[in-house]
Amino acid sequence: MFVVNVEAAVYKDDQWLIIERSLKEDHAGGLLAFVGGKVDPAGESVNNLEASVKRELFEEVGATVKGELQYVRSTMFTLEDGREVIDLVFLCELDDCTPFVKSPDEVESLHWLSEEEILNHPKTPIWLTESIKEAETLRKQKQAIPAAQ
């Protein structure tokens, strides 16, 4: 059985919402990450991944999503305890709200950072580097579409 995890690649004004994970976290404590977490079992349901992204954003940083989420990428990895994880990243924008550290057990701090700041930060793990590059490419494509119409 896999653990399914979702992440929110949130952008605003060419910056990304990035958290520093709490040192209390078993996995990747103290590292930078997108907001995210495990998908809760929901029986027979529709759009459970998207609902989980929205739930995690609200629980961790008190934020709500504007519009549709867009799939960025998926990866698989194995935790230290041997459990296998499927991780899915979704591109999204926030409603008019100001994120804050709502869950200090999960989030040490939050920051709005540019792609370059994230890529050059000493606490950026390789999986965030790869995700931010793909999310940035998708974001730029998304911005170019209205201009082309």
C-alpha atoms as a PDB file:
ATOM      1  CA  MET A   1       0.000   0.000   0.000  1.00  0.00           C
ATOM      2  CA  PHE A   2       1.291   3.441  -0.928  1.00  0.00           C
ATOM      3  CA  VAL A   3       1.092   6.674   1.010  1.00  0.00           C
ATOM      4  CA  VAL A   4      -0.346   9.319  -1.329  1.00  0.00           C
ATOM      5  CA  ASN A   5       0.919  12.845  -0.760  1.00  0.00           C
ATOM      6  CA  VAL A   6      -0.111  16.089  -2.484  1.00  0.00           C
ATOM      7  CA  GLU A   7       1.665  19.438  -2.719  1.00  0.00           C
ATOM      8  CA  ALA A   8       0.479  22.929  -3.663  1.00  0.00           C
ATOM      9  CA  ALA A   9       2.752  24.908  -5.980  1.00  0.00           C
ATOM     10  CA  VAL A  10       1.246  28.310  -5.145  1.00  0.00           C
ATOM     11  CA  TYR A  11       2.400  31.398  -7.001  1.00  0.00           C
ATOM     12  CA  LYS A  12       1.651  35.114  -6.810  1.00  0.00           C
ATOM     13  CA  ASP A  13       3.445  37.990  -8.523  1.00  0.00           C
ATOM     14  CA  ASP A  14       6.258  35.738  -9.796  1.00  0.00           C
ATOM     15  CA  GLN A  15       6.945  34.319  -6.339  1.00  0.00           C
ATOM     16  CA  TRP A  16       6.212  30.932  -4.817  1.00  0.00           C
ATOM     17  CA  LEU A  17       4.713  30.164  -1.414  1.00  0.00           C
ATOM     18  CA  ILE A  18       7.340  28.035   0.308  1.00  0.00           C
ATOM     19  CA  ILE A  19       7.334  26.692   3.849  1.00  0.00           C
ATOM     20  CA  GLU A  20      10.174  25.630   6.045  1.00  0.00           C
ATOM     21  CA  ARG A  21       9.018  22.305   7.459  1.00  0.00           C
ATOM     22  CA  SER A  22       8.919  22.045  11.236  1.00  0.00           C
ATOM     23  CA  LEU A  23      11.786  20.219  12.883  1.00  0.00           C
ATOM     24  CA  LYS A  24       9.052  18.089  14.522  1.00  0.00           C
ATOM     25  CA  GLU A  25       8.314  16.512  11.125  1.00  0.00           C
ATOM     26  CA  ASP A  26       9.633  12.975  10.673  1.00  0.00           C
ATOM     27  CA  HIS A  27      10.375  13.475   6.966  1.00  0.00           C
ATOM     28  CA  ALA A  28      12.457  16.428   5.717  1.00  0.00           C
ATOM     29  CA  GLY A  29      12.151  18.494   8.918  1.00  0.00           C
ATOM     30  CA  GLY A  30      13.818  21.896   8.551  1.00  0.00           C
ATOM     31  CA  LEU A  31      13.869  21.784   4.744  1.00  0.00           C
ATOM     32  CA  LEU A  32      11.970  24.018   2.330  1.00  0.00           C
ATOM     33  CA  ALA A  33       8.860  22.596   0.679  1.00  0.00           C
ATOM     34  CA  PHE A  34       5.557  23.392  -0.932  1.00  0.00           C
ATOM     35  CA  VAL A  35       2.575  23.182   1.416  1.00  0.00           C
ATOM     36  CA  GLY A  36       1.228  19.661   1.327  1.00  0.00           C
ATOM     37  CA  GLY A  37       0.504  16.414   3.069  1.00  0.00           C
ATOM     38  CA  LYS A  38      -1.130  13.015   2.985  1.00  0.00           C
ATOM     39  CA  VAL A  39      -4.373  12.265   1.204  1.00  0.00           C
ATOM     40  CA  ASP A  40      -6.956  11.029   3.691  1.00  0.00           C
ATOM     41  CA  PRO A  41      -9.049   7.981   2.780  1.00  0.00           C
ATOM     42  CA  ALA A  42     -12.434   9.159   1.555  1.00  0.00           C
ATOM     43  CA  GLY A  43     -14.155   5.989   0.384  1.00  0.00           C
ATOM     44  CA  GLU A  44     -15.706   6.431  -3.010  1.00  0.00           C
ATOM     45  CA  SER A  45     -15.085  10.069  -3.862  1.00  0.00           C
ATOM     46  CA  VAL A  46     -14.371  12.434  -6.728  1.00  0.00           C
ATOM     47  CA  ASN A  47     -11.471  14.894  -6.900  1.00  0.00           C
ATOM     48  CA  ASN A  48     -10.017  13.654  -3.619  1.00  0.00           C
ATOM     49  CA  LEU A  49      -6.492  14.764  -4.603  1.00  0.00           C
ATOM     50  CA  GLU A  50      -7.624  18.321  -5.311  1.00  0.00           C
ATOM     51  CA  ALA A  51      -9.699  18.423  -2.126  1.00  0.00           C
ATOM     52  CA  SER A  52      -6.646  17.259  -0.171  1.00  0.00           C
ATOM     53  CA  VAL A  53      -4.502  20.068  -1.623  1.00  0.00           C
ATOM     54  CA  LYS A  54      -7.130  22.603  -0.557  1.00  0.00           C
ATOM     55  CA  ARG A  55      -7.436  21.034   2.909  1.00  0.00           C
ATOM     56  CA  GLU A  56      -3.661  21.059   3.450  1.00  0.00           C
ATOM     57  CA  LEU A  57      -3.386  24.712   2.405  1.00  0.00           C
ATOM     58  CA  PHE A  58      -6.110  25.689   4.845  1.00  0.00           C
ATOM     59  CA  GLU A  59      -4.820  23.534   7.724  1.00  0.00           C
ATOM     60  CA  GLU A  60      -1.163  24.531   7.428  1.00  0.00           C
ATOM     61  CA  VAL A  61      -1.264  28.179   6.314  1.00  0.00           C
ATOM     62  CA  GLY A  62      -4.920  29.292   6.522  1.00  0.00           C
ATOM     63  CA  ALA A  63      -5.186  29.819   2.766  1.00  0.00           C
ATOM     64  CA  THR A  64      -7.914  29.089   0.218  1.00  0.00           C
ATOM     65  CA  VAL A  65      -7.546  28.374  -3.507  1.00  0.00           C
ATOM     66  CA  LYS A  66      -8.864  30.495  -6.381  1.00  0.00           C
ATOM     67  CA  GLY A  67      -9.869  28.653  -9.547  1.00  0.00           C
ATOM     68  CA  GLU A  68      -8.811  25.246 -10.750  1.00  0.00           C
ATOM     69  CA  LEU A  69      -5.748  23.270  -9.747  1.00  0.00           C
ATOM     70  CA  GLN A  70      -3.451  22.112 -12.527  1.00  0.00           C
ATOM     71  CA  TYR A  71      -1.372  18.943 -12.381  1.00  0.00           C
ATOM     72  CA  VAL A  72       2.399  19.569 -12.476  1.00  0.00           C
ATOM     73  CA  ARG A  73       4.113  16.227 -11.843  1.00  0.00           C
ATOM     74  CA  SER A  74       4.229  13.048  -9.807  1.00  0.00           C
ATOM     75  CA  THR A  75       7.124  11.223  -8.186  1.00  0.00           C
ATOM     76  CA  MET A  76       7.659   8.156  -6.036  1.00  0.00           C
ATOM     77  CA  PHE A  77      10.063   7.718  -3.150  1.00  0.00           C
ATOM     78  CA  THR A  78      10.631   5.527  -0.118  1.00  0.00           C
ATOM     79  CA  LEU A  79      10.554   6.867   3.435  1.00  0.00           C
ATOM     80  CA  GLU A  80      13.160   5.930   6.022  1.00  0.00           C
ATOM     81  CA  ASP A  81      10.711   3.404   7.512  1.00  0.00           C
ATOM     82  CA  GLY A  82      10.282   1.636   4.154  1.00  0.00           C
ATOM     83  CA  ARG A  83       6.858   3.014   3.209  1.00  0.00           C
ATOM     84  CA  GLU A  84       6.531   3.994  -0.436  1.00  0.00           C
ATOM     85  CA  VAL A  85       5.084   7.408  -1.272  1.00  0.00           C
ATOM     86  CA  ILE A  86       3.397   8.683  -4.412  1.00  0.00           C
ATOM     87  CA  ASP A  87       3.714  12.487  -4.442  1.00  0.00           C
ATOM     88  CA  LEU A  88       1.632  14.719  -6.731  1.00  0.00           C
ATOM     89  CA  VAL A  89       2.228  18.437  -7.237  1.00  0.00           C
ATOM     90  CA  PHE A  90      -0.541  20.821  -8.328  1.00  0.00           C
ATOM     91  CA  LEU A  91      -0.197  24.401  -9.566  1.00  0.00           C
ATOM     92  CA  CYS A  92      -2.641  26.827  -7.944  1.00  0.00           C
ATOM     93  CA  GLU A  93      -3.353  30.422  -7.017  1.00  0.00           C
ATOM     94  CA  LEU A  94      -4.778  31.680  -3.733  1.00  0.00           C
ATOM     95  CA  ASP A  95      -7.912  33.711  -3.144  1.00  0.00           C
ATOM     96  CA  ASP A  96      -7.390  37.127  -1.588  1.00  0.00           C
ATOM     97  CA  CYS A  97      -5.964  35.855   1.664  1.00  0.00           C
ATOM     98  CA  THR A  98      -2.740  36.207   3.584  1.00  0.00           C
ATOM     99  CA  PRO A  99      -1.109  32.889   4.422  1.00  0.00           C
ATOM    100  CA  PHE A 100       0.303  32.507   7.926  1.00  0.00           C
ATOM    101  CA  VAL A 101       1.797  29.725  10.022  1.00  0.00           C
ATOM    102  CA  LYS A 102      -1.413  28.104  11.219  1.00  0.00           C
ATOM    103  CA  SER A 103       0.096  24.728  12.132  1.00  0.00           C
ATOM    104  CA  PRO A 104       3.466  25.232  13.881  1.00  0.00           C
ATOM    105  CA  ASP A 105       3.800  21.467  14.379  1.00  0.00           C
ATOM    106  CA  GLU A 106       4.098  21.190  10.585  1.00  0.00           C
ATOM    107  CA  VAL A 107       5.332  24.618   9.470  1.00  0.00           C
ATOM    108  CA  GLU A 108       8.293  26.456  11.009  1.00  0.00           C
ATOM    109  CA  SER A 109       7.946  29.515   8.748  1.00  0.00           C
ATOM    110  CA  LEU A 110       6.613  30.568   5.359  1.00  0.00           C
ATOM    111  CA  HIS A 111       8.133  32.699   2.643  1.00  0.00           C
ATOM    112  CA  TRP A 112       7.342  34.126  -0.773  1.00  0.00           C
ATOM    113  CA  LEU A 113      10.435  33.364  -2.876  1.00  0.00           C
ATOM    114  CA  SER A 114      11.385  33.653  -6.527  1.00  0.00           C
ATOM    115  CA  GLU A 115      12.445  30.594  -8.488  1.00  0.00           C
ATOM    116  CA  GLU A 116      16.066  31.735  -8.279  1.00  0.00           C
ATOM    117  CA  GLU A 117      15.891  32.233  -4.499  1.00  0.00           C
ATOM    118  CA  ILE A 118      14.466  28.731  -4.072  1.00  0.00           C
ATOM    119  CA  LEU A 119      17.032  27.112  -6.357  1.00  0.00           C
ATOM    120  CA  ASN A 120      19.908  28.827  -4.523  1.00  0.00           C
ATOM    121  CA  HIS A 121      18.634  28.326  -0.960  1.00  0.00           C
ATOM    122  CA  PRO A 122      20.758  25.958   1.166  1.00  0.00           C
ATOM    123  CA  LYS A 123      17.622  24.282   2.604  1.00  0.00           C
ATOM    124  CA  THR A 124      16.147  23.389  -0.802  1.00  0.00           C
ATOM    125  CA  PRO A 125      16.075  19.604  -1.335  1.00  0.00           C
ATOM    126  CA  ILE A 126      16.531  18.144  -4.814  1.00  0.00           C
ATOM    127  CA  TRP A 127      12.843  17.188  -5.137  1.00  0.00           C
ATOM    128  CA  LEU A 128      11.782  20.812  -4.572  1.00  0.00           C
ATOM    129  CA  THR A 129      14.367  21.971  -7.124  1.00  0.00           C
ATOM    130  CA  GLU A 130      12.876  19.614  -9.709  1.00  0.00           C
ATOM    131  CA  SER A 131       9.268  20.477  -8.817  1.00  0.00           C
ATOM    132  CA  ILE A 132       9.832  24.247  -8.889  1.00  0.00           C
ATOM    133  CA  LYS A 133      11.425  24.066 -12.337  1.00  0.00           C
ATOM    134  CA  GLU A 134       8.454  22.133 -13.735  1.00  0.00           C
ATOM    135  CA  ALA A 135       5.908  24.338 -11.954  1.00  0.00           C
ATOM    136  CA  GLU A 136       7.634  27.491 -13.221  1.00  0.00           C
ATOM    137  CA  THR A 137       7.544  26.188 -16.805  1.00  0.00           C
ATOM    138  CA  LEU A 138       3.840  25.372 -16.484  1.00  0.00           C
ATOM    139  CA  ARG A 139       3.096  28.747 -14.892  1.00  0.00           C
ATOM    140  CA  LYS A 140       4.805  30.591 -17.748  1.00  0.00           C
ATOM    141  CA  GLN A 141       2.885  28.525 -20.311  1.00  0.00           C
ATOM    142  CA  LYS A 142      -0.343  29.314 -18.498  1.00  0.00           C
ATOM    143  CA  GLN A 143       0.447  33.049 -18.534  1.00  0.00           C
ATOM    144  CA  ALA A 144       1.248  32.974 -22.258  1.00  0.00           C
ATOM    145  CA  ILE A 145      -2.108  31.424 -23.227  1.00  0.00           C
ATOM    146  CA  PRO A 146      -4.298  34.547 -22.615  1.00  0.00           C
ATOM    147  CA  ALA A 147      -1.787  36.710 -24.499  1.00  0.00           C
ATOM    148  CA  ALA A 148      -1.964  34.406 -27.525  1.00  0.00           C
ATOM    149  CA  GLN A 149      -5.784  34.480 -27.707  1.00  0.00           C
END
